[in-house]
Amino acid sequence: MSGRHDANRAAYFSWPFLGLKGAGAGTGGGVGAGFSVCRDGRPIATVTDGTDYLELAGTPASKYVVAPIARGKEGRSAPARTLG
């Protein structure tokens, strides 16, 4: 996962999708696998139309985790990391 915080506390980050690109199209892009996004140990979003996310409520000290969702179950994630 890579990303950054800006002066207004917004965090933008993206992550690789090591598999087939999503099939079809949604309002934000390809539709395929889902991803659970957590900040400081709490779920904040489920992303189903891409491999990036804009988060407006974090701080530079916030820790983020992205985990894949397949067949309705959350998979393993990389260790939590800050973007600040």
C-alpha atoms as a PDB file:
ATOM      1  CA  MET A   1       0.000   0.000   0.000  1.00  0.00           C
ATOM      2  CA  SER A   2       1.241   3.464  -0.766  1.00  0.00           C
ATOM      3  CA  GLY A   3      -0.306   6.796   0.047  1.00  0.00           C
ATOM      4  CA  ARG A   4      -0.044  10.197   1.626  1.00  0.00           C
ATOM      5  CA  HIS A   5      -1.791  12.641   3.962  1.00  0.00           C
ATOM      6  CA  ASP A   6      -2.252  16.270   2.994  1.00  0.00           C
ATOM      7  CA  ALA A   7      -2.446  19.389   5.166  1.00  0.00           C
ATOM      8  CA  ASN A   8      -6.256  19.082   5.336  1.00  0.00           C
ATOM      9  CA  ARG A   9      -6.049  15.607   6.978  1.00  0.00           C
ATOM     10  CA  ALA A  10      -7.214  13.797   3.848  1.00  0.00           C
ATOM     11  CA  ALA A  11      -5.460  10.524   3.098  1.00  0.00           C
ATOM     12  CA  TYR A  12      -5.251   9.033  -0.369  1.00  0.00           C
ATOM     13  CA  PHE A  13      -3.832   5.556  -0.777  1.00  0.00           C
ATOM     14  CA  SER A  14      -3.754   2.722  -3.269  1.00  0.00           C
ATOM     15  CA  TRP A  15      -2.698  -0.900  -3.259  1.00  0.00           C
ATOM     16  CA  PRO A  16      -1.850  -3.550  -5.849  1.00  0.00           C
ATOM     17  CA  PHE A  17      -4.380  -6.148  -6.923  1.00  0.00           C
ATOM     18  CA  LEU A  18      -2.385  -9.296  -7.560  1.00  0.00           C
ATOM     19  CA  GLY A  19      -4.867 -11.171  -9.679  1.00  0.00           C
ATOM     20  CA  LEU A  20      -7.202 -10.651 -12.562  1.00  0.00           C
ATOM     21  CA  LYS A  21      -8.558  -7.187 -13.104  1.00  0.00           C
ATOM     22  CA  GLY A  22     -12.225  -6.819 -12.259  1.00  0.00           C
ATOM     23  CA  ALA A  23     -14.684  -7.766 -14.950  1.00  0.00           C
ATOM     24  CA  GLY A  24     -17.321  -5.259 -15.906  1.00  0.00           C
ATOM     25  CA  ALA A  25     -17.584  -1.621 -14.966  1.00  0.00           C
ATOM     26  CA  GLY A  26     -18.987   0.297 -12.034  1.00  0.00           C
ATOM     27  CA  THR A  27     -19.307   3.989 -11.346  1.00  0.00           C
ATOM     28  CA  GLY A  28     -15.704   4.143 -10.138  1.00  0.00           C
ATOM     29  CA  GLY A  29     -14.084   1.676 -12.520  1.00  0.00           C
ATOM     30  CA  GLY A  30     -13.745  -2.084 -12.790  1.00  0.00           C
ATOM     31  CA  VAL A  31     -15.904  -4.319 -10.631  1.00  0.00           C
ATOM     32  CA  GLY A  32     -14.399  -7.458  -9.178  1.00  0.00           C
ATOM     33  CA  ALA A  33     -12.857  -8.360  -5.845  1.00  0.00           C
ATOM     34  CA  GLY A  34     -13.667  -6.336  -2.767  1.00  0.00           C
ATOM     35  CA  PHE A  35     -11.337  -4.853  -0.177  1.00  0.00           C
ATOM     36  CA  SER A  36     -11.883  -3.971   3.466  1.00  0.00           C
ATOM     37  CA  VAL A  37     -10.221  -0.719   4.570  1.00  0.00           C
ATOM     38  CA  CYS A  38      -9.543  -0.204   8.297  1.00  0.00           C
ATOM     39  CA  ARG A  39      -8.176   2.787  10.190  1.00  0.00           C
ATOM     40  CA  ASP A  40      -6.719   2.291  13.665  1.00  0.00           C
ATOM     41  CA  GLY A  41      -8.240  -1.184  13.897  1.00  0.00           C
ATOM     42  CA  ARG A  42     -11.776  -0.185  12.858  1.00  0.00           C
ATOM     43  CA  PRO A  43     -13.442  -0.798   9.483  1.00  0.00           C
ATOM     44  CA  ILE A  44     -14.095   2.433   7.600  1.00  0.00           C
ATOM     45  CA  ALA A  45     -14.974   1.253   4.082  1.00  0.00           C
ATOM     46  CA  THR A  46     -15.488  -1.604   1.674  1.00  0.00           C
ATOM     47  CA  VAL A  47     -14.058  -0.847  -1.768  1.00  0.00           C
ATOM     48  CA  THR A  48     -15.502  -2.876  -4.647  1.00  0.00           C
ATOM     49  CA  ASP A  49     -14.738  -0.762  -7.697  1.00  0.00           C
ATOM     50  CA  GLY A  50     -10.983  -0.223  -7.649  1.00  0.00           C
ATOM     51  CA  THR A  51      -7.757  -0.358  -5.669  1.00  0.00           C
ATOM     52  CA  ASP A  52      -7.613   3.104  -4.140  1.00  0.00           C
ATOM     53  CA  TYR A  53      -9.398   5.080  -1.457  1.00  0.00           C
ATOM     54  CA  LEU A  54      -9.713   8.705  -0.303  1.00  0.00           C
ATOM     55  CA  GLU A  55     -10.188   9.018   3.455  1.00  0.00           C
ATOM     56  CA  LEU A  56     -11.127  12.351   5.010  1.00  0.00           C
ATOM     57  CA  ALA A  57     -11.152  11.677   8.766  1.00  0.00           C
ATOM     58  CA  GLY A  58      -7.711  10.289   9.590  1.00  0.00           C
ATOM     59  CA  THR A  59      -4.610  11.929  10.980  1.00  0.00           C
ATOM     60  CA  PRO A  60      -0.960  11.532   9.981  1.00  0.00           C
ATOM     61  CA  ALA A  61      -0.615   9.116  12.941  1.00  0.00           C
ATOM     62  CA  SER A  62      -3.547   6.922  11.808  1.00  0.00           C
ATOM     63  CA  LYS A  63      -2.664   3.355  10.837  1.00  0.00           C
ATOM     64  CA  TYR A  64      -4.352   1.767   7.828  1.00  0.00           C
ATOM     65  CA  VAL A  65      -4.882  -1.813   6.721  1.00  0.00           C
ATOM     66  CA  VAL A  66      -6.362  -3.118   3.474  1.00  0.00           C
ATOM     67  CA  ALA A  67      -7.516  -6.737   3.263  1.00  0.00           C
ATOM     68  CA  PRO A  68      -9.047  -8.599   0.311  1.00  0.00           C
ATOM     69  CA  ILE A  69     -12.591  -9.940   0.518  1.00  0.00           C
ATOM     70  CA  ALA A  70     -13.263 -13.141  -1.411  1.00  0.00           C
ATOM     71  CA  ARG A  71     -16.362 -15.291  -1.255  1.00  0.00           C
ATOM     72  CA  GLY A  72     -17.678 -13.084   1.535  1.00  0.00           C
ATOM     73  CA  LYS A  73     -14.672 -13.601   3.823  1.00  0.00           C
ATOM     74  CA  GLU A  74     -11.901 -11.173   4.656  1.00  0.00           C
ATOM     75  CA  GLY A  75      -8.438 -12.435   3.765  1.00  0.00           C
ATOM     76  CA  ARG A  76      -5.028 -11.716   5.230  1.00  0.00           C
ATOM     77  CA  SER A  77      -3.747  -8.169   5.174  1.00  0.00           C
ATOM     78  CA  ALA A  78      -0.316  -6.646   5.288  1.00  0.00           C
ATOM     79  CA  PRO A  79       0.758  -5.055   8.593  1.00  0.00           C
ATOM     80  CA  ALA A  80      -0.886  -1.742   9.492  1.00  0.00           C
ATOM     81  CA  ARG A  81       1.020   1.340   8.428  1.00  0.00           C
ATOM     82  CA  THR A  82       0.857   5.105   8.672  1.00  0.00           C
ATOM     83  CA  LEU A  83       0.790   7.392   5.655  1.00  0.00           C
ATOM     84  CA  GLY A  84       2.130  10.516   7.371  1.00  0.00           C
END
